[in-house]
C-alpha atoms as a PDB file:
ATOM      1  CA  UNK A   1      -0.009  -0.013   0.025  1.00  0.00           C
ATOM      2  CA  UNK A   2       1.478   3.303  -1.035  1.00  0.00           C
ATOM      3  CA  UNK A   3       0.687   6.533   0.504  1.00  0.00           C
ATOM      4  CA  UNK A   4       2.354   9.925   1.211  1.00  0.00           C
ATOM      5  CA  UNK A   5       5.854   9.770   2.599  1.00  0.00           C
ATOM      6  CA  UNK A   6       7.391  11.739   5.490  1.00  0.00           C
ATOM      7  CA  UNK A   7       9.600  14.478   4.077  1.00  0.00           C
ATOM      8  CA  UNK A   8      11.979  14.133   7.049  1.00  0.00           C
ATOM      9  CA  UNK A   9      12.684  10.333   7.098  1.00  0.00           C
ATOM     10  CA  UNK A  10      10.968   8.948   4.024  1.00  0.00           C
ATOM     11  CA  UNK A  11       8.675   6.525   5.779  1.00  0.00           C
ATOM     12  CA  UNK A  12       5.324   5.765   4.127  1.00  0.00           C
ATOM     13  CA  UNK A  13       2.556   7.273   6.288  1.00  0.00           C
ATOM     14  CA  UNK A  14      -1.118   6.323   6.139  1.00  0.00           C
ATOM     15  CA  UNK A  15      -3.501   9.126   5.272  1.00  0.00           C
ATOM     16  CA  UNK A  16      -4.874  11.033   8.281  1.00  0.00           C
ATOM     17  CA  UNK A  17      -1.723  11.369  10.367  1.00  0.00           C
ATOM     18  CA  UNK A  18      -0.640  14.895  11.326  1.00  0.00           C
ATOM     19  CA  UNK A  19       2.870  13.744  12.386  1.00  0.00           C
ATOM     20  CA  UNK A  20       5.131  10.953  11.268  1.00  0.00           C
ATOM     21  CA  UNK A  21       4.758   7.943  13.484  1.00  0.00           C
ATOM     22  CA  UNK A  22       8.594   7.247  13.378  1.00  0.00           C
ATOM     23  CA  UNK A  23      10.262  10.643  13.707  1.00  0.00           C
ATOM     24  CA  UNK A  24       7.362  12.789  14.850  1.00  0.00           C
ATOM     25  CA  UNK A  25       8.027  15.383  12.240  1.00  0.00           C
ATOM     26  CA  UNK A  26       4.966  17.403  11.169  1.00  0.00           C
ATOM     27  CA  UNK A  27       3.463  16.263   7.892  1.00  0.00           C
ATOM     28  CA  UNK A  28       2.546  18.845   5.289  1.00  0.00           C
ATOM     29  CA  UNK A  29      -1.145  19.870   5.429  1.00  0.00           C
ATOM     30  CA  UNK A  30      -3.158  17.920   2.937  1.00  0.00           C
ATOM     31  CA  UNK A  31      -1.031  14.789   2.977  1.00  0.00           C
ATOM     32  CA  UNK A  32      -3.972  12.478   3.067  1.00  0.00           C
ATOM     33  CA  UNK A  33      -5.963  14.445   5.536  1.00  0.00           C
ATOM     34  CA  UNK A  34      -9.597  14.515   4.623  1.00  0.00           C
ATOM     35  CA  UNK A  35     -11.287  17.440   6.391  1.00  0.00           C
ATOM     36  CA  UNK A  36      -9.443  16.805   9.608  1.00  0.00           C
ATOM     37  CA  UNK A  37      -7.571  19.254  11.765  1.00  0.00           C
ATOM     38  CA  UNK A  38      -4.214  18.319  13.122  1.00  0.00           C
ATOM     39  CA  UNK A  39      -3.715  18.496  16.889  1.00  0.00           C
ATOM     40  CA  UNK A  40      -0.482  19.057  18.810  1.00  0.00           C
ATOM     41  CA  UNK A  41      -0.280  15.441  19.934  1.00  0.00           C
ATOM     42  CA  UNK A  42       0.178  13.783  16.547  1.00  0.00           C
ATOM     43  CA  UNK A  43      -3.348  12.648  16.218  1.00  0.00           C
ATOM     44  CA  UNK A  44      -6.021  13.702  13.774  1.00  0.00           C
ATOM     45  CA  UNK A  45      -9.334  14.968  15.154  1.00  0.00           C
ATOM     46  CA  UNK A  46     -12.504  15.754  13.402  1.00  0.00           C
ATOM     47  CA  UNK A  47     -14.022  19.184  13.880  1.00  0.00           C
ATOM     48  CA  UNK A  48     -17.100  18.383  15.893  1.00  0.00           C
ATOM     49  CA  UNK A  49     -19.485  20.910  17.524  1.00  0.00           C
ATOM     50  CA  UNK A  50     -21.693  19.975  20.477  1.00  0.00           C
ATOM     51  CA  UNK A  51     -25.409  20.158  19.712  1.00  0.00           C
ATOM     52  CA  UNK A  52     -26.418  23.047  22.015  1.00  0.00           C
ATOM     53  CA  UNK A  53     -30.175  23.166  21.391  1.00  0.00           C
ATOM     54  CA  UNK A  54     -30.937  19.533  22.467  1.00  0.00           C
ATOM     55  CA  UNK A  55     -28.828  20.055  25.587  1.00  0.00           C
ATOM     56  CA  UNK A  56     -30.788  23.253  26.452  1.00  0.00           C
ATOM     57  CA  UNK A  57     -34.133  21.429  25.951  1.00  0.00           C
ATOM     58  CA  UNK A  58     -33.180  18.530  28.132  1.00  0.00           C
ATOM     59  CA  UNK A  59     -31.883  20.856  30.864  1.00  0.00           C
ATOM     60  CA  UNK A  60     -35.174  22.906  30.731  1.00  0.00           C
ATOM     61  CA  UNK A  61     -37.225  19.656  30.970  1.00  0.00           C
ATOM     62  CA  UNK A  62     -35.241  18.532  33.998  1.00  0.00           C
ATOM     63  CA  UNK A  63     -35.688  21.886  35.729  1.00  0.00           C
ATOM     64  CA  UNK A  64     -39.441  21.849  34.976  1.00  0.00           C
ATOM     65  CA  UNK A  65     -39.821  18.291  36.315  1.00  0.00           C
ATOM     66  CA  UNK A  66     -38.021  19.073  39.536  1.00  0.00           C
ATOM     67  CA  UNK A  67     -40.010  22.297  39.987  1.00  0.00           C
ATOM     68  CA  UNK A  68     -43.313  20.363  39.425  1.00  0.00           C
ATOM     69  CA  UNK A  69     -42.601  17.652  42.014  1.00  0.00           C
ATOM     70  CA  UNK A  70     -41.110  20.155  44.490  1.00  0.00           C
ATOM     71  CA  UNK A  71     -43.908  22.665  44.389  1.00  0.00           C
ATOM     72  CA  UNK A  72     -47.030  20.569  44.015  1.00  0.00           C
ATOM     73  CA  UNK A  73     -49.332  19.960  46.981  1.00  0.00           C
ATOM     74  CA  UNK A  74     -49.683  16.402  48.148  1.00  0.00           C
ATOM     75  CA  UNK A  75     -53.213  15.194  48.898  1.00  0.00           C
ATOM     76  CA  UNK A  76     -53.051  12.804  51.801  1.00  0.00           C
ATOM     77  CA  UNK A  77     -55.736  10.165  51.444  1.00  0.00           C
ATOM     78  CA  UNK A  78     -55.312   9.156  55.093  1.00  0.00           C
ATOM     79  CA  UNK A  79     -56.690  12.456  56.379  1.00  0.00           C
ATOM     80  CA  UNK A  80     -58.607  11.851  59.632  1.00  0.00           C
ATOM     81  CA  UNK A  81     -62.428  12.193  59.545  1.00  0.00           C
ATOM     82  CA  UNK A  82     -62.421  15.275  61.893  1.00  0.00           C
ATOM     83  CA  UNK A  83     -60.094  17.216  59.658  1.00  0.00           C
ATOM     84  CA  UNK A  84     -62.131  16.225  56.632  1.00  0.00           C
ATOM     85  CA  UNK A  85     -65.422  17.302  58.282  1.00  0.00           C
ATOM     86  CA  UNK A  86     -63.783  20.680  59.409  1.00  0.00           C
ATOM     87  CA  UNK A  87     -62.460  21.424  55.955  1.00  0.00           C
ATOM     88  CA  UNK A  88     -65.825  20.659  54.388  1.00  0.00           C
ATOM     89  CA  UNK A  89     -67.629  22.797  56.990  1.00  0.00           C
ATOM     90  CA  UNK A  90     -65.277  25.661  56.367  1.00  0.00           C
ATOM     91  CA  UNK A  91     -65.860  25.413  52.663  1.00  0.00           C
ATOM     92  CA  UNK A  92     -69.621  26.060  53.099  1.00  0.00           C
ATOM     93  CA  UNK A  93     -70.434  29.613  52.074  1.00  0.00           C
ATOM     94  CA  UNK A  94     -73.092  31.308  54.264  1.00  0.00           C
ATOM     95  CA  UNK A  95     -75.810  33.430  52.511  1.00  0.00           C
ATOM     96  CA  UNK A  96     -75.177  37.119  52.524  1.00  0.00           C
ATOM     97  CA  UNK A  97     -76.311  38.811  55.760  1.00  0.00           C
ATOM     98  CA  UNK A  98     -76.309  35.651  57.940  1.00  0.00           C
ATOM     99  CA  UNK A  99     -73.707  34.268  60.269  1.00  0.00           C
ATOM    100  CA  UNK A 100     -71.684  31.234  59.179  1.00  0.00           C
ATOM    101  CA  UNK A 101     -73.117  27.964  60.548  1.00  0.00           C
ATOM    102  CA  UNK A 102     -71.063  26.204  63.260  1.00  0.00           C
ATOM    103  CA  UNK A 103     -69.090  23.147  62.138  1.00  0.00           C
ATOM    104  CA  UNK A 104     -71.238  19.971  62.322  1.00  0.00           C
ATOM    105  CA  UNK A 105     -70.889  17.864  65.426  1.00  0.00           C
ATOM    106  CA  UNK A 106     -72.720  14.664  65.063  1.00  0.00           C
ATOM    107  CA  UNK A 107     -72.826  11.951  67.766  1.00  0.00           C
ATOM    108  CA  UNK A 108     -72.029   9.373  65.136  1.00  0.00           C
ATOM    109  CA  UNK A 109     -68.765  11.037  64.228  1.00  0.00           C
ATOM    110  CA  UNK A 110     -67.761  11.380  67.856  1.00  0.00           C
ATOM    111  CA  UNK A 111     -68.601   7.751  68.694  1.00  0.00           C
ATOM    112  CA  UNK A 112     -66.600   6.463  65.741  1.00  0.00           C
ATOM    113  CA  UNK A 113     -63.501   8.395  66.868  1.00  0.00           C
ATOM    114  CA  UNK A 114     -63.936   7.282  70.444  1.00  0.00           C
ATOM    115  CA  UNK A 115     -64.349   3.566  69.602  1.00  0.00           C
ATOM    116  CA  UNK A 116     -60.990   1.948  68.944  1.00  0.00           C
ATOM    117  CA  UNK A 117     -60.858  -0.556  66.105  1.00  0.00           C
ATOM    118  CA  UNK A 118     -58.774  -3.706  65.756  1.00  0.00           C
ATOM    119  CA  UNK A 119     -57.129  -2.113  62.695  1.00  0.00           C
ATOM    120  CA  UNK A 120     -56.107   0.966  64.600  1.00  0.00           C
ATOM    121  CA  UNK A 121     -54.897  -1.100  67.543  1.00  0.00           C
ATOM    122  CA  UNK A 122     -52.831  -3.289  65.166  1.00  0.00           C
ATOM    123  CA  UNK A 123     -51.206  -0.169  63.644  1.00  0.00           C
ATOM    124  CA  UNK A 124     -50.329   1.192  67.127  1.00  0.00           C
ATOM    125  CA  UNK A 125     -48.806  -2.166  68.141  1.00  0.00           C
ATOM    126  CA  UNK A 126     -46.784  -2.323  64.921  1.00  0.00           C
ATOM    127  CA  UNK A 127     -45.497   1.238  65.606  1.00  0.00           C
ATOM    128  CA  UNK A 128     -44.510   0.369  69.168  1.00  0.00           C
ATOM    129  CA  UNK A 129     -42.700  -2.714  67.986  1.00  0.00           C
ATOM    130  CA  UNK A 130     -40.700  -0.656  65.488  1.00  0.00           C
ATOM    131  CA  UNK A 131     -39.661   1.717  68.231  1.00  0.00           C
ATOM    132  CA  UNK A 132     -37.920  -1.138  69.986  1.00  0.00           C
ATOM    133  CA  UNK A 133     -36.534  -2.398  66.731  1.00  0.00           C
ATOM    134  CA  UNK A 134     -38.634  -5.480  66.470  1.00  0.00           C
ATOM    135  CA  UNK A 135     -39.557  -5.198  62.782  1.00  0.00           C
ATOM    136  CA  UNK A 136     -42.859  -6.888  62.442  1.00  0.00           C
ATOM    137  CA  UNK A 137     -45.935  -6.872  60.344  1.00  0.00           C
ATOM    138  CA  UNK A 138     -49.103  -6.610  62.472  1.00  0.00           C
ATOM    139  CA  UNK A 139     -52.469  -7.420  60.934  1.00  0.00           C
ATOM    140  CA  UNK A 140     -55.984  -7.480  62.298  1.00  0.00           C
ATOM    141  CA  UNK A 141     -57.861 -10.652  61.247  1.00  0.00           C
ATOM    142  CA  UNK A 142     -61.399 -10.269  62.672  1.00  0.00           C
ATOM    143  CA  UNK A 143     -61.059 -10.265  66.377  1.00  0.00           C
ATOM    144  CA  UNK A 144     -57.469 -11.743  66.284  1.00  0.00           C
ATOM    145  CA  UNK A 145     -54.178  -9.913  65.759  1.00  0.00           C
ATOM    146  CA  UNK A 146     -51.454 -11.741  63.721  1.00  0.00           C
ATOM    147  CA  UNK A 147     -47.813 -10.512  64.288  1.00  0.00           C
ATOM    148  CA  UNK A 148     -45.344 -11.778  61.742  1.00  0.00           C
ATOM    149  CA  UNK A 149     -41.820 -11.402  62.980  1.00  0.00           C
ATOM    150  CA  UNK A 150     -38.522 -13.122  63.201  1.00  0.00           C
ATOM    151  CA  UNK A 151     -38.286 -12.031  66.767  1.00  0.00           C
ATOM    152  CA  UNK A 152     -41.330 -13.767  68.401  1.00  0.00           C
ATOM    153  CA  UNK A 153     -38.942 -15.414  71.007  1.00  0.00           C
ATOM    154  CA  UNK A 154     -37.390 -12.021  71.901  1.00  0.00           C
ATOM    155  CA  UNK A 155     -38.152 -10.936  75.481  1.00  0.00           C
ATOM    156  CA  UNK A 156     -38.963  -7.409  74.248  1.00  0.00           C
ATOM    157  CA  UNK A 157     -41.754  -8.894  72.129  1.00  0.00           C
ATOM    158  CA  UNK A 158     -43.509 -10.264  75.224  1.00  0.00           C
ATOM    159  CA  UNK A 159     -43.016  -6.923  76.946  1.00  0.00           C
ATOM    160  CA  UNK A 160     -44.507  -4.969  73.959  1.00  0.00           C
ATOM    161  CA  UNK A 161     -47.485  -7.294  73.751  1.00  0.00           C
ATOM    162  CA  UNK A 162     -48.118  -7.060  77.442  1.00  0.00           C
ATOM    163  CA  UNK A 163     -48.015  -3.267  77.225  1.00  0.00           C
ATOM    164  CA  UNK A 164     -50.514  -3.185  74.362  1.00  0.00           C
ATOM    165  CA  UNK A 165     -52.847  -5.893  75.667  1.00  0.00           C
ATOM    166  CA  UNK A 166     -55.268  -3.504  77.412  1.00  0.00           C
ATOM    167  CA  UNK A 167     -55.593  -1.306  74.306  1.00  0.00           C
ATOM    168  CA  UNK A 168     -56.017  -4.404  72.112  1.00  0.00           C
ATOM    169  CA  UNK A 169     -58.686  -5.751  74.500  1.00  0.00           C
ATOM    170  CA  UNK A 170     -60.496  -2.387  74.418  1.00  0.00           C
ATOM    171  CA  UNK A 171     -60.527  -2.496  70.612  1.00  0.00           C
ATOM    172  CA  UNK A 172     -62.378  -5.793  70.653  1.00  0.00           C
ATOM    173  CA  UNK A 173     -59.376  -8.064  70.019  1.00  0.00           C
ATOM    174  CA  UNK A 174     -59.670 -11.435  71.749  1.00  0.00           C
ATOM    175  CA  UNK A 175     -56.384 -13.089  70.852  1.00  0.00           C
ATOM    176  CA  UNK A 176     -52.922 -12.413  69.477  1.00  0.00           C
ATOM    177  CA  UNK A 177     -50.645 -14.872  67.819  1.00  0.00           C
ATOM    178  CA  UNK A 178     -47.045 -14.413  66.838  1.00  0.00           C
ATOM    179  CA  UNK A 179     -45.920 -16.146  63.653  1.00  0.00           C
ATOM    180  CA  UNK A 180     -42.451 -16.548  62.153  1.00  0.00           C
ATOM    181  CA  UNK A 181     -41.956 -15.248  58.604  1.00  0.00           C
ATOM    182  CA  UNK A 182     -42.514 -18.887  57.389  1.00  0.00           C
ATOM    183  CA  UNK A 183     -45.948 -18.997  58.980  1.00  0.00           C
ATOM    184  CA  UNK A 184     -45.137 -21.179  61.947  1.00  0.00           C
ATOM    185  CA  UNK A 185     -47.037 -20.149  65.073  1.00  0.00           C
ATOM    186  CA  UNK A 186     -44.623 -19.400  67.956  1.00  0.00           C
ATOM    187  CA  UNK A 187     -47.143 -18.394  70.525  1.00  0.00           C
ATOM    188  CA  UNK A 188     -50.853 -17.539  70.941  1.00  0.00           C
ATOM    189  CA  UNK A 189     -52.114 -15.331  73.754  1.00  0.00           C
ATOM    190  CA  UNK A 190     -55.660 -14.623  74.802  1.00  0.00           C
ATOM    191  CA  UNK A 191     -56.404 -11.036  75.663  1.00  0.00           C
END
């Protein structure tokens, strides 16, 4: 294969080199270079420009996405009934010239809040177990509470269950059983 030769040492050089690979002498411009610019290191580089507009669009989209998620209001579906009733009552517009009606206080709403449920008692027990680092899943199954944990034999488990037994009994729970993650029942306790 024949190509241009180095004027300093006479070695045949492949097209595209800016310097001779043997003696490192600069090759004359145009000796096989096809639209390339020679760099100071002896390599040939193509003249490339970064596409600015796509980079600007991607950056603007990222900023808009972050702003959207940072500034949006979250709607909490677990809003308690009293807060929901208060917000609905405050949204009622009174006719012109009359005083605003007082927020509704129904005996049904008060009795629902005062009556503990097995589900709420299970959630409180799960939270108390997490406080003592007994990571467990607590579930209300009818009038029974199932605790799934790898720490059923731990003495802190018995202490936590004893501490919550009155609240569980008041919620209508009749028994509690502690199960391993595999489903094996470790203990059952009547409340």
